[in-house]
Protein backbone atom coordinates (compact mmCIF):
# COMPACT_ATOMS: atom_id res chain seq x y z
CA MET A 1 13.54 174.12 -188.14
CA ASP A 2 14.31 177.72 -189.00
CA LEU A 3 17.36 178.65 -186.93
CA ALA A 4 16.54 182.37 -186.88
CA LYS A 5 13.11 181.69 -185.34
CA ALA A 6 14.50 179.25 -182.74
CA LEU A 7 17.23 181.50 -181.36
CA VAL A 8 16.65 183.15 -178.02
CA PRO A 9 17.90 186.74 -177.73
CA LEU A 10 21.14 187.01 -175.80
CA ALA A 11 20.99 188.40 -172.29
CA PRO A 12 22.31 191.94 -171.84
CA SER A 13 26.03 191.93 -171.14
CA ARG A 14 27.01 191.95 -167.51
CA THR A 15 30.76 192.01 -168.12
CA LEU A 16 31.14 195.56 -166.82
CA LEU A 17 28.86 195.23 -163.80
CA PRO A 18 30.69 194.83 -160.50
CA HIS A 19 28.05 192.56 -158.94
CA GLY A 20 28.01 189.73 -161.43
CA ALA A 21 30.26 187.48 -163.46
CA ALA A 22 30.01 187.28 -167.24
CA ASN A 23 28.53 183.98 -168.41
CA LEU A 24 30.53 182.52 -171.30
CA ALA A 25 29.81 179.98 -174.03
CA ILE A 26 33.16 178.58 -175.13
CA PHE A 27 33.22 176.86 -178.52
CA GLY A 28 36.33 174.83 -179.29
CA ALA A 29 36.88 174.50 -175.55
CA SER A 30 39.46 171.72 -175.99
CA GLY A 31 41.54 173.76 -178.45
CA SER A 32 44.21 176.35 -177.76
CA ILE A 33 41.89 179.38 -177.67
CA GLY A 34 39.39 177.49 -175.54
CA ALA A 35 42.15 176.44 -173.12
CA SER A 36 43.36 180.03 -172.87
CA THR A 37 39.82 181.24 -172.23
CA LEU A 38 39.29 178.61 -169.54
CA ASP A 39 42.55 179.68 -167.93
CA ILE A 40 41.12 183.20 -167.64
CA VAL A 41 37.90 181.78 -166.16
CA ARG A 42 40.00 179.78 -163.69
CA ARG A 43 42.05 182.82 -162.68
CA PHE A 44 39.08 185.19 -162.35
CA PRO A 45 36.09 183.14 -161.12
CA ASP A 46 34.46 186.27 -159.71
CA ARG A 47 34.40 187.82 -163.20
CA PHE A 48 33.72 184.88 -165.57
CA ARG A 49 31.77 181.62 -165.59
CA ALA A 50 31.89 178.90 -168.24
CA LYS A 51 28.16 178.19 -168.64
CA VAL A 52 28.40 176.41 -172.03
CA LEU A 53 31.32 174.32 -173.30
CA CYS A 54 31.51 172.89 -176.82
CA VAL A 55 34.05 170.55 -178.40
CA HIS A 56 34.31 168.76 -181.71
CA ARG A 57 34.97 165.24 -180.37
CA ASN A 58 37.44 165.35 -177.46
CA ILE A 59 35.15 163.93 -174.79
CA GLN A 60 38.01 163.06 -172.43
CA ALA A 61 38.97 166.74 -172.20
CA LEU A 62 35.30 167.72 -171.99
CA GLU A 63 34.74 165.45 -168.99
CA LYS A 64 37.61 167.14 -167.13
CA MET A 65 36.20 170.56 -167.99
CA VAL A 66 32.71 169.58 -166.83
CA ARG A 67 34.06 168.40 -163.47
CA GLU A 68 36.04 171.62 -162.97
CA PHE A 69 33.74 174.31 -164.38
CA LYS A 70 30.29 172.74 -163.89
CA PRO A 71 28.65 174.24 -167.00
CA GLU A 72 24.89 174.23 -167.50
CA ALA A 73 25.23 172.79 -171.00
CA VAL A 74 27.79 171.11 -173.23
CA GLY A 75 27.86 170.51 -176.96
CA ILE A 76 29.69 167.90 -179.01
CA ALA A 77 29.72 168.41 -182.77
CA ASP A 78 30.66 164.80 -183.60
CA GLU A 79 27.47 162.80 -183.05
CA SER A 80 29.22 159.46 -182.40
CA ALA A 81 31.35 161.04 -179.67
CA CYS A 82 28.20 162.66 -178.32
CA ALA A 83 26.53 159.26 -177.97
CA GLU A 84 29.52 158.09 -175.91
CA PHE A 85 29.27 161.13 -173.64
CA SER A 86 25.51 160.94 -173.02
CA GLN A 87 25.77 158.79 -169.88
CA LEU A 88 28.35 161.16 -168.39
CA ALA A 89 26.08 164.11 -169.15
CA ARG A 90 23.36 162.49 -167.07
CA GLN A 91 25.87 161.74 -164.30
CA TYR A 92 26.93 165.39 -164.15
CA SER A 93 23.38 166.72 -164.68
CA VAL A 94 24.42 168.80 -167.65
CA GLN A 95 22.32 169.58 -170.74
CA LEU A 96 23.81 167.87 -173.81
CA ALA A 97 23.62 169.11 -177.41
CA CYS A 98 24.65 166.68 -180.17
CA GLY A 99 25.73 167.69 -183.65
CA PRO A 100 26.69 171.01 -185.19
CA GLU A 101 23.16 172.41 -185.43
CA GLU A 102 22.33 171.75 -181.77
CA CYS A 103 25.70 173.23 -180.76
CA ALA A 104 24.79 176.38 -182.67
CA TYR A 105 21.63 176.69 -180.56
CA LEU A 106 23.79 176.77 -177.43
CA ALA A 107 25.23 180.10 -178.56
CA ALA A 108 21.78 181.52 -177.86
CA HIS A 109 21.44 179.88 -174.43
CA PRO A 110 19.54 182.42 -172.30
CA ALA A 111 22.23 182.47 -169.59
CA ILE A 112 25.00 183.52 -172.01
CA ASP A 113 26.50 187.01 -172.13
CA THR A 114 29.46 186.32 -174.43
CA VAL A 115 30.36 183.62 -176.98
CA VAL A 116 34.06 182.78 -177.47
């Protein structure tokens, strides 16, 4: 599949609008930059929402994040870890992307304003 043809245009940024929170896709959510970004989301829930969370393989951390932030979609780059997480994804009613290519598609999720 041609990635350029499959990507959905990003929604216009709402980060400066007073009536809505910015919807974030956070790649590397279990790493230090991801943790810092999630701390900002936690501190300013009226300004930011974690709509998409992606990790390489840390599904234990991802489960905690899913419970707290309730994203619409999650991505796991490591396909074996993704298979382990699939039952939890159904339990939490979250869209699951497996593998690096599917994770890349999440950057173009129609609800996303900003990718971190």
